[in-house]
Amino acid sequence: MDLEARLRQIEDRLEIYNLMAAYGPAVDACSVENNARLWTDDCVYAVGGLGEYLGQDGLAGMIAGPFHRQVTANGSAHVLSLPYVEVQGDQAVATNYAKLFSHRDGRFDLVRLVVSRWFLRREDGRWKVARRTNELVNGSDESRALQRRATDTAELTCAGV
C-alpha cells in the first residue's frame, strides 16, 4: 500500500473513532440533534433486550422513550471501549464493548454491558452509522456470536451497508 493509501486508512479510522466516541455524550445529553448527525437517514439500531429503532424518527423515539429518560434523569455515561475497525472503501465495520452507567443515590451503577457491531458508510465525505447491533454480555448465544465476529469483514462485501 502506498503512503497516500495508508494515510487515508489512518484518517478513516480516526474519523470513525471520533464518530463512535461522540455517541455517548450525545445520548447522555438527550440531544436528538447531536445523535442524528452520527447516523444515516435510513439507519437501524438494534438494541439487545430493548428493541429496534429505524431511521432518524426511531432514534429520536429511543431518546424520548421511558428507558432512556429513566437512565439519564440523574446523569448517565455511555462508556465505549476502543473499537476494532476494518475499512474497505466507503464501508467499515467496528466491534467494541459499551457500558452504561446511571447516577443513583450518590453512586454510579452499571445498568448495561453490551458488545456492539457497527456498520458504517461514508456519505458526502463523512462517516456515519448505518446499522448498530448490540447484545447484552450475558453468556447468550447471540452475544457470543457477536463477539466472535469482531474481526470478520465478510459482511462488508455482502451487507451493502
N, C-alpha and C. Protein backbone atom coordinates (compact mmCIF):
# COMPACT_ATOMS: atom_id res chain seq x y z
N MET A 1 0.85 -1.17 0.00
CA MET A 1 0.00 0.00 0.00
C MET A 1 0.90 1.24 0.00
N ASP A 2 0.60 2.18 -0.87
CA ASP A 2 1.43 3.37 -0.93
C ASP A 2 1.10 4.31 0.24
N LEU A 3 1.94 5.31 0.39
CA LEU A 3 1.82 6.23 1.52
C LEU A 3 0.47 6.93 1.55
N GLU A 4 -0.03 7.35 0.40
CA GLU A 4 -1.32 8.05 0.34
C GLU A 4 -2.46 7.14 0.81
N ALA A 5 -2.44 5.89 0.38
CA ALA A 5 -3.48 4.93 0.78
C ALA A 5 -3.40 4.63 2.28
N ARG A 6 -2.19 4.51 2.78
CA ARG A 6 -2.01 4.27 4.22
C ARG A 6 -2.50 5.45 5.04
N LEU A 7 -2.22 6.65 4.58
CA LEU A 7 -2.68 7.85 5.28
C LEU A 7 -4.21 7.91 5.26
N ARG A 8 -4.83 7.56 4.14
CA ARG A 8 -6.29 7.55 4.05
C ARG A 8 -6.88 6.56 5.05
N GLN A 9 -6.27 5.39 5.18
CA GLN A 9 -6.73 4.38 6.15
C GLN A 9 -6.68 4.94 7.58
N ILE A 10 -5.59 5.61 7.90
CA ILE A 10 -5.44 6.20 9.24
C ILE A 10 -6.48 7.28 9.47
N GLU A 11 -6.67 8.16 8.48
CA GLU A 11 -7.67 9.22 8.61
C GLU A 11 -9.07 8.65 8.77
N ASP A 12 -9.38 7.60 8.00
CA ASP A 12 -10.69 6.96 8.12
C ASP A 12 -10.90 6.40 9.52
N ARG A 13 -9.91 5.70 10.03
CA ARG A 13 -10.04 5.12 11.38
C ARG A 13 -10.21 6.20 12.43
N LEU A 14 -9.45 7.26 12.34
CA LEU A 14 -9.58 8.35 13.32
C LEU A 14 -10.96 8.98 13.26
N GLU A 15 -11.48 9.18 12.05
CA GLU A 15 -12.83 9.75 11.94
C GLU A 15 -13.87 8.79 12.54
N ILE A 16 -13.70 7.50 12.31
CA ILE A 16 -14.63 6.51 12.87
C ILE A 16 -14.51 6.47 14.39
N TYR A 17 -13.30 6.51 14.92
CA TYR A 17 -13.12 6.56 16.38
C TYR A 17 -13.85 7.78 16.96
N ASN A 18 -13.67 8.94 16.33
CA ASN A 18 -14.32 10.16 16.82
C ASN A 18 -15.84 10.05 16.72
N LEU A 19 -16.33 9.51 15.64
CA LEU A 19 -17.77 9.31 15.47
C LEU A 19 -18.33 8.45 16.60
N MET A 20 -17.68 7.33 16.86
CA MET A 20 -18.16 6.44 17.91
C MET A 20 -18.02 7.07 19.29
N ALA A 21 -16.95 7.81 19.51
CA ALA A 21 -16.76 8.47 20.81
C ALA A 21 -17.80 9.56 21.05
N ALA A 22 -18.33 10.15 19.98
CA ALA A 22 -19.33 11.20 20.12
C ALA A 22 -20.70 10.66 20.51
N TYR A 23 -20.92 9.36 20.29
CA TYR A 23 -22.23 8.77 20.58
C TYR A 23 -22.61 8.92 22.05
N GLY A 24 -21.74 8.56 22.97
CA GLY A 24 -22.06 8.60 24.40
C GLY A 24 -22.50 9.98 24.88
N PRO A 25 -21.67 11.01 24.69
CA PRO A 25 -22.10 12.33 25.13
C PRO A 25 -23.40 12.80 24.47
N ALA A 26 -23.62 12.45 23.21
CA ALA A 26 -24.85 12.87 22.53
C ALA A 26 -26.08 12.26 23.19
N VAL A 27 -26.05 10.95 23.45
CA VAL A 27 -27.24 10.33 24.04
C VAL A 27 -27.36 10.63 25.53
N ASP A 28 -26.25 10.79 26.22
CA ASP A 28 -26.32 11.14 27.65
C ASP A 28 -26.90 12.54 27.85
N ALA A 29 -26.69 13.43 26.88
CA ALA A 29 -27.25 14.77 26.94
C ALA A 29 -28.68 14.80 26.40
N CYS A 30 -29.19 13.64 25.96
CA CYS A 30 -30.52 13.53 25.35
C CYS A 30 -30.65 14.47 24.15
N SER A 31 -29.55 14.63 23.41
CA SER A 31 -29.53 15.53 22.26
C SER A 31 -29.90 14.77 20.99
N VAL A 32 -31.14 14.91 20.58
CA VAL A 32 -31.61 14.28 19.35
C VAL A 32 -30.78 14.78 18.17
N GLU A 33 -30.49 16.08 18.14
CA GLU A 33 -29.76 16.66 17.02
C GLU A 33 -28.33 16.14 16.93
N ASN A 34 -27.61 16.13 18.05
CA ASN A 34 -26.23 15.65 18.03
C ASN A 34 -26.16 14.17 17.68
N ASN A 35 -27.10 13.39 18.20
CA ASN A 35 -27.14 11.97 17.90
C ASN A 35 -27.46 11.75 16.42
N ALA A 36 -28.41 12.51 15.89
CA ALA A 36 -28.84 12.33 14.50
C ALA A 36 -27.69 12.55 13.52
N ARG A 37 -26.79 13.46 13.83
CA ARG A 37 -25.66 13.75 12.93
C ARG A 37 -24.74 12.55 12.74
N LEU A 38 -24.80 11.61 13.65
CA LEU A 38 -23.90 10.46 13.61
C LEU A 38 -24.40 9.33 12.72
N TRP A 39 -25.70 9.35 12.41
CA TRP A 39 -26.36 8.23 11.75
C TRP A 39 -26.84 8.61 10.35
N THR A 40 -26.96 7.59 9.48
CA THR A 40 -27.57 7.78 8.17
C THR A 40 -29.08 7.96 8.35
N ASP A 41 -29.72 8.50 7.33
CA ASP A 41 -31.18 8.68 7.41
C ASP A 41 -31.92 7.35 7.51
N ASP A 42 -31.38 6.31 6.88
CA ASP A 42 -32.05 5.01 6.87
C ASP A 42 -31.45 4.03 7.88
N CYS A 43 -30.90 4.55 8.94
CA CYS A 43 -30.19 3.74 9.93
C CYS A 43 -31.12 2.75 10.64
N VAL A 44 -30.46 1.74 11.22
CA VAL A 44 -31.13 0.76 12.05
C VAL A 44 -30.29 0.59 13.31
N TYR A 45 -30.94 0.68 14.47
CA TYR A 45 -30.25 0.46 15.74
C TYR A 45 -31.00 -0.64 16.47
N ALA A 46 -30.39 -1.82 16.51
CA ALA A 46 -30.97 -2.98 17.17
C ALA A 46 -30.33 -3.11 18.56
N VAL A 47 -31.10 -2.79 19.58
CA VAL A 47 -30.62 -2.75 20.97
C VAL A 47 -31.06 -4.02 21.67
N GLY A 48 -30.10 -4.90 21.95
CA GLY A 48 -30.41 -6.17 22.59
C GLY A 48 -31.25 -6.00 23.84
N GLY A 49 -32.41 -6.67 23.86
CA GLY A 49 -33.29 -6.65 25.01
C GLY A 49 -34.22 -5.44 25.08
N LEU A 50 -34.04 -4.46 24.20
CA LEU A 50 -34.87 -3.25 24.27
C LEU A 50 -35.65 -2.95 23.00
N GLY A 51 -35.23 -3.46 21.86
CA GLY A 51 -35.97 -3.21 20.63
C GLY A 51 -35.10 -2.74 19.49
N GLU A 52 -35.76 -2.43 18.39
CA GLU A 52 -35.08 -1.97 17.19
C GLU A 52 -35.65 -0.61 16.81
N TYR A 53 -34.76 0.31 16.46
CA TYR A 53 -35.14 1.67 16.13
C TYR A 53 -34.74 1.95 14.69
N LEU A 54 -35.71 2.40 13.88
CA LEU A 54 -35.49 2.57 12.46
C LEU A 54 -35.48 4.04 12.08
N GLY A 55 -34.43 4.45 11.37
CA GLY A 55 -34.33 5.81 10.86
C GLY A 55 -34.19 6.86 11.94
N GLN A 56 -34.15 8.10 11.49
CA GLN A 56 -33.98 9.23 12.41
C GLN A 56 -35.15 9.34 13.39
N ASP A 57 -36.37 9.05 12.93
CA ASP A 57 -37.51 9.11 13.84
C ASP A 57 -37.40 8.06 14.93
N GLY A 58 -36.92 6.89 14.58
CA GLY A 58 -36.73 5.82 15.56
C GLY A 58 -35.71 6.20 16.62
N LEU A 59 -34.61 6.81 16.17
CA LEU A 59 -33.58 7.26 17.13
C LEU A 59 -34.13 8.32 18.07
N ALA A 60 -34.89 9.27 17.53
CA ALA A 60 -35.49 10.31 18.37
C ALA A 60 -36.45 9.68 19.38
N GLY A 61 -37.21 8.69 18.93
CA GLY A 61 -38.12 8.00 19.83
C GLY A 61 -37.41 7.25 20.93
N MET A 62 -36.24 6.68 20.61
CA MET A 62 -35.44 5.98 21.62
C MET A 62 -35.02 6.95 22.71
N ILE A 63 -34.51 8.12 22.31
CA ILE A 63 -34.04 9.11 23.27
C ILE A 63 -35.19 9.64 24.12
N ALA A 64 -36.37 9.76 23.54
CA ALA A 64 -37.53 10.26 24.27
C ALA A 64 -38.24 9.16 25.06
N GLY A 65 -37.84 7.92 24.84
CA GLY A 65 -38.53 6.78 25.45
C GLY A 65 -38.30 6.66 26.95
N PRO A 66 -39.15 5.89 27.61
CA PRO A 66 -39.10 5.78 29.07
C PRO A 66 -37.80 5.19 29.62
N PHE A 67 -37.24 4.16 28.95
CA PHE A 67 -35.99 3.57 29.46
C PHE A 67 -34.87 4.61 29.46
N HIS A 68 -34.72 5.28 28.32
CA HIS A 68 -33.63 6.25 28.20
C HIS A 68 -33.82 7.42 29.16
N ARG A 69 -35.01 7.91 29.27
CA ARG A 69 -35.28 9.04 30.18
C ARG A 69 -35.01 8.66 31.63
N GLN A 70 -35.38 7.44 32.00
CA GLN A 70 -35.14 6.99 33.38
C GLN A 70 -33.65 6.89 33.67
N VAL A 71 -32.90 6.33 32.72
CA VAL A 71 -31.46 6.13 32.91
C VAL A 71 -30.72 7.46 32.97
N THR A 72 -31.15 8.43 32.18
CA THR A 72 -30.42 9.70 32.10
C THR A 72 -30.93 10.77 33.07
N ALA A 73 -32.02 10.51 33.75
CA ALA A 73 -32.67 11.54 34.58
C ALA A 73 -31.71 12.21 35.57
N ASN A 74 -30.86 11.45 36.21
CA ASN A 74 -29.95 11.99 37.22
C ASN A 74 -28.49 11.93 36.79
N GLY A 75 -28.28 11.76 35.50
CA GLY A 75 -26.92 11.68 34.96
C GLY A 75 -26.60 10.26 34.53
N SER A 76 -25.95 10.16 33.39
CA SER A 76 -25.57 8.85 32.86
C SER A 76 -24.29 8.98 32.06
N ALA A 77 -23.69 7.84 31.80
CA ALA A 77 -22.48 7.81 30.97
C ALA A 77 -22.46 6.53 30.15
N HIS A 78 -22.51 6.71 28.84
CA HIS A 78 -22.29 5.60 27.91
C HIS A 78 -20.78 5.59 27.66
N VAL A 79 -20.10 4.57 28.13
CA VAL A 79 -18.64 4.49 28.05
C VAL A 79 -18.29 3.37 27.08
N LEU A 80 -17.65 3.73 25.97
CA LEU A 80 -17.33 2.75 24.93
C LEU A 80 -15.85 2.40 24.94
N SER A 81 -15.57 1.13 24.69
CA SER A 81 -14.18 0.70 24.57
C SER A 81 -13.65 1.08 23.20
N LEU A 82 -12.34 1.06 23.06
CA LEU A 82 -11.73 1.30 21.76
C LEU A 82 -12.20 0.20 20.81
N PRO A 83 -12.70 0.55 19.65
CA PRO A 83 -13.23 -0.47 18.74
C PRO A 83 -12.15 -1.11 17.88
N TYR A 84 -12.44 -2.32 17.43
CA TYR A 84 -11.69 -2.95 16.37
C TYR A 84 -12.37 -2.53 15.08
N VAL A 85 -11.65 -1.89 14.18
CA VAL A 85 -12.24 -1.30 12.97
C VAL A 85 -11.56 -1.86 11.73
N GLU A 86 -12.38 -2.20 10.74
CA GLU A 86 -11.91 -2.57 9.41
C GLU A 86 -12.59 -1.66 8.40
N VAL A 87 -11.82 -1.09 7.50
CA VAL A 87 -12.34 -0.19 6.48
C VAL A 87 -12.08 -0.79 5.10
N GLN A 88 -13.12 -0.76 4.26
CA GLN A 88 -13.00 -1.18 2.87
C GLN A 88 -13.71 -0.13 2.02
N GLY A 89 -12.94 0.75 1.45
CA GLY A 89 -13.51 1.80 0.62
C GLY A 89 -14.40 2.73 1.43
N ASP A 90 -15.67 2.82 1.02
CA ASP A 90 -16.62 3.70 1.71
C ASP A 90 -17.49 2.96 2.72
N GLN A 91 -17.05 1.76 3.12
CA GLN A 91 -17.75 0.98 4.13
C GLN A 91 -16.78 0.57 5.22
N ALA A 92 -17.30 0.41 6.42
CA ALA A 92 -16.46 -0.02 7.53
C ALA A 92 -17.32 -0.81 8.51
N VAL A 93 -16.65 -1.61 9.30
CA VAL A 93 -17.31 -2.34 10.37
C VAL A 93 -16.43 -2.21 11.61
N ALA A 94 -17.07 -2.09 12.75
CA ALA A 94 -16.35 -1.94 14.01
C ALA A 94 -17.04 -2.77 15.08
N THR A 95 -16.26 -3.28 16.00
CA THR A 95 -16.79 -4.04 17.12
C THR A 95 -16.17 -3.52 18.40
N ASN A 96 -17.01 -3.32 19.41
CA ASN A 96 -16.49 -2.87 20.70
C ASN A 96 -17.46 -3.23 21.81
N TYR A 97 -17.08 -2.87 23.02
CA TYR A 97 -17.95 -3.02 24.19
C TYR A 97 -18.45 -1.65 24.61
N ALA A 98 -19.60 -1.63 25.25
CA ALA A 98 -20.13 -0.39 25.79
C ALA A 98 -20.73 -0.67 27.16
N LYS A 99 -20.44 0.23 28.08
CA LYS A 99 -21.02 0.17 29.42
C LYS A 99 -21.93 1.38 29.58
N LEU A 100 -23.06 1.17 30.21
CA LEU A 100 -23.97 2.26 30.51
C LEU A 100 -24.06 2.38 32.03
N PHE A 101 -23.63 3.53 32.53
CA PHE A 101 -23.72 3.82 33.96
C PHE A 101 -24.80 4.87 34.19
N SER A 102 -25.50 4.74 35.31
CA SER A 102 -26.52 5.71 35.68
C SER A 102 -26.27 6.16 37.11
N HIS A 103 -26.41 7.47 37.35
CA HIS A 103 -26.19 8.03 38.68
C HIS A 103 -27.45 7.83 39.53
N ARG A 104 -27.26 7.19 40.68
CA ARG A 104 -28.37 6.95 41.60
C ARG A 104 -27.85 7.01 43.03
N ASP A 105 -28.50 7.78 43.83
CA ASP A 105 -28.19 7.83 45.26
C ASP A 105 -26.70 8.07 45.54
N GLY A 106 -26.09 8.98 44.80
CA GLY A 106 -24.70 9.34 45.04
C GLY A 106 -23.67 8.38 44.48
N ARG A 107 -24.09 7.40 43.71
CA ARG A 107 -23.11 6.47 43.12
C ARG A 107 -23.51 6.20 41.66
N PHE A 108 -22.61 5.61 40.91
CA PHE A 108 -22.87 5.26 39.51
C PHE A 108 -22.99 3.75 39.40
N ASP A 109 -24.16 3.31 38.98
CA ASP A 109 -24.45 1.88 38.84
C ASP A 109 -24.32 1.47 37.38
N LEU A 110 -23.73 0.29 37.18
CA LEU A 110 -23.67 -0.27 35.84
C LEU A 110 -25.06 -0.80 35.49
N VAL A 111 -25.66 -0.25 34.44
CA VAL A 111 -27.00 -0.63 34.02
C VAL A 111 -26.95 -1.69 32.93
N ARG A 112 -26.02 -1.52 31.98
CA ARG A 112 -25.90 -2.45 30.85
C ARG A 112 -24.44 -2.59 30.45
N LEU A 113 -24.07 -3.78 30.02
CA LEU A 113 -22.78 -4.06 29.41
C LEU A 113 -23.09 -4.83 28.13
N VAL A 114 -22.69 -4.24 26.98
CA VAL A 114 -23.02 -4.85 25.70
C VAL A 114 -21.80 -4.97 24.81
N VAL A 115 -21.89 -5.89 23.87
CA VAL A 115 -20.96 -5.95 22.76
C VAL A 115 -21.71 -5.37 21.57
N SER A 116 -21.05 -4.52 20.82
CA SER A 116 -21.69 -3.82 19.70
C SER A 116 -20.97 -4.09 18.39
N ARG A 117 -21.76 -4.19 17.35
CA ARG A 117 -21.26 -4.31 15.98
C ARG A 117 -21.82 -3.13 15.21
N TRP A 118 -20.94 -2.30 14.70
CA TRP A 118 -21.30 -1.07 13.99
C TRP A 118 -20.99 -1.24 12.50
N PHE A 119 -21.94 -0.92 11.65
CA PHE A 119 -21.71 -0.87 10.21
C PHE A 119 -21.78 0.60 9.82
N LEU A 120 -20.74 1.07 9.17
CA LEU A 120 -20.63 2.48 8.84
C LEU A 120 -20.44 2.65 7.35
N ARG A 121 -20.87 3.80 6.85
CA ARG A 121 -20.61 4.12 5.45
C ARG A 121 -20.32 5.61 5.33
N ARG A 122 -19.52 5.89 4.31
CA ARG A 122 -19.17 7.27 4.04
C ARG A 122 -20.27 7.88 3.16
N GLU A 123 -20.82 8.99 3.63
CA GLU A 123 -21.84 9.72 2.87
C GLU A 123 -21.39 11.17 2.78
N ASP A 124 -21.34 11.68 1.57
CA ASP A 124 -20.92 13.07 1.35
C ASP A 124 -19.61 13.38 2.06
N GLY A 125 -18.69 12.42 2.00
CA GLY A 125 -17.36 12.63 2.57
C GLY A 125 -17.24 12.44 4.07
N ARG A 126 -18.33 12.05 4.75
CA ARG A 126 -18.30 11.85 6.21
C ARG A 126 -18.77 10.44 6.56
N TRP A 127 -18.14 9.86 7.57
CA TRP A 127 -18.56 8.55 8.06
C TRP A 127 -19.81 8.71 8.91
N LYS A 128 -20.74 7.77 8.75
CA LYS A 128 -21.96 7.74 9.54
C LYS A 128 -22.30 6.29 9.88
N VAL A 129 -23.08 6.12 10.94
CA VAL A 129 -23.52 4.79 11.35
C VAL A 129 -24.75 4.42 10.52
N ALA A 130 -24.66 3.30 9.80
CA ALA A 130 -25.80 2.80 9.04
C ALA A 130 -26.59 1.78 9.86
N ARG A 131 -25.89 1.00 10.65
CA ARG A 131 -26.53 -0.01 11.49
C ARG A 131 -25.65 -0.27 12.71
N ARG A 132 -26.30 -0.40 13.83
CA ARG A 132 -25.60 -0.83 15.05
C ARG A 132 -26.45 -1.90 15.69
N THR A 133 -25.80 -2.98 16.04
CA THR A 133 -26.46 -4.06 16.76
C THR A 133 -25.69 -4.28 18.04
N ASN A 134 -26.41 -4.38 19.15
CA ASN A 134 -25.71 -4.76 20.36
C ASN A 134 -26.47 -5.84 21.10
N GLU A 135 -25.72 -6.58 21.88
CA GLU A 135 -26.27 -7.67 22.69
C GLU A 135 -25.67 -7.58 24.08
N LEU A 136 -26.50 -7.84 25.07
CA LEU A 136 -26.02 -7.87 26.45
C LEU A 136 -24.94 -8.94 26.58
N VAL A 137 -23.88 -8.64 27.29
CA VAL A 137 -22.81 -9.61 27.53
C VAL A 137 -23.26 -10.45 28.72
N ASN A 138 -24.07 -11.45 28.39
CA ASN A 138 -24.67 -12.28 29.43
C ASN A 138 -24.48 -13.77 29.19
N GLY A 139 -23.55 -14.10 28.30
CA GLY A 139 -23.28 -15.51 28.01
C GLY A 139 -24.23 -16.11 26.99
N SER A 140 -25.14 -15.31 26.45
CA SER A 140 -26.11 -15.83 25.48
C SER A 140 -25.42 -16.20 24.17
N ASP A 141 -26.08 -17.04 23.40
CA ASP A 141 -25.56 -17.40 22.08
C ASP A 141 -25.42 -16.16 21.20
N GLU A 142 -26.37 -15.23 21.30
CA GLU A 142 -26.35 -14.02 20.49
C GLU A 142 -25.13 -13.14 20.82
N SER A 143 -24.84 -12.97 22.11
CA SER A 143 -23.69 -12.13 22.46
C SER A 143 -22.38 -12.79 22.07
N ARG A 144 -22.29 -14.09 22.26
CA ARG A 144 -21.05 -14.79 21.88
C ARG A 144 -20.85 -14.76 20.35
N ALA A 145 -21.94 -14.87 19.60
CA ALA A 145 -21.83 -14.81 18.14
C ALA A 145 -21.32 -13.43 17.71
N LEU A 146 -21.82 -12.38 18.34
CA LEU A 146 -21.36 -11.03 18.01
C LEU A 146 -19.89 -10.86 18.38
N GLN A 147 -19.48 -11.40 19.50
CA GLN A 147 -18.07 -11.32 19.92
C GLN A 147 -17.18 -12.06 18.92
N ARG A 148 -17.62 -13.22 18.45
CA ARG A 148 -16.81 -14.00 17.50
C ARG A 148 -16.62 -13.28 16.17
N ARG A 149 -17.55 -12.39 15.81
CA ARG A 149 -17.47 -11.69 14.53
C ARG A 149 -16.58 -10.45 14.58
N ALA A 150 -15.91 -10.20 15.67
CA ALA A 150 -15.13 -8.97 15.84
C ALA A 150 -14.19 -8.69 14.69
N THR A 151 -13.51 -9.68 14.18
CA THR A 151 -12.54 -9.45 13.10
C THR A 151 -13.03 -9.93 11.75
N ASP A 152 -14.31 -10.25 11.63
CA ASP A 152 -14.89 -10.74 10.38
C ASP A 152 -15.29 -9.57 9.49
N THR A 153 -14.68 -9.51 8.32
CA THR A 153 -15.02 -8.42 7.39
C THR A 153 -15.87 -8.91 6.22
N ALA A 154 -16.22 -10.18 6.20
CA ALA A 154 -17.01 -10.73 5.09
C ALA A 154 -18.32 -9.99 4.94
N GLU A 155 -18.89 -9.52 6.04
CA GLU A 155 -20.18 -8.82 5.99
C GLU A 155 -20.09 -7.53 5.18
N LEU A 156 -18.93 -6.95 5.10
CA LEU A 156 -18.78 -5.70 4.35
C LEU A 156 -19.05 -5.88 2.87
N THR A 157 -18.64 -6.99 2.33
CA THR A 157 -18.78 -7.19 0.89
C THR A 157 -20.18 -7.63 0.50
N CYS A 158 -20.97 -8.13 1.45
CA CYS A 158 -22.32 -8.59 1.09
C CYS A 158 -23.43 -7.80 1.80
N ALA A 159 -23.09 -6.97 2.75
CA ALA A 159 -24.13 -6.29 3.53
C ALA A 159 -24.70 -5.08 2.80
N GLY A 160 -23.95 -4.51 1.89
CA GLY A 160 -24.43 -3.33 1.20
C GLY A 160 -24.73 -2.20 2.17
N VAL A 161 -23.86 -2.04 3.14
CA VAL A 161 -24.06 -1.03 4.18
C VAL A 161 -24.17 0.34 3.58
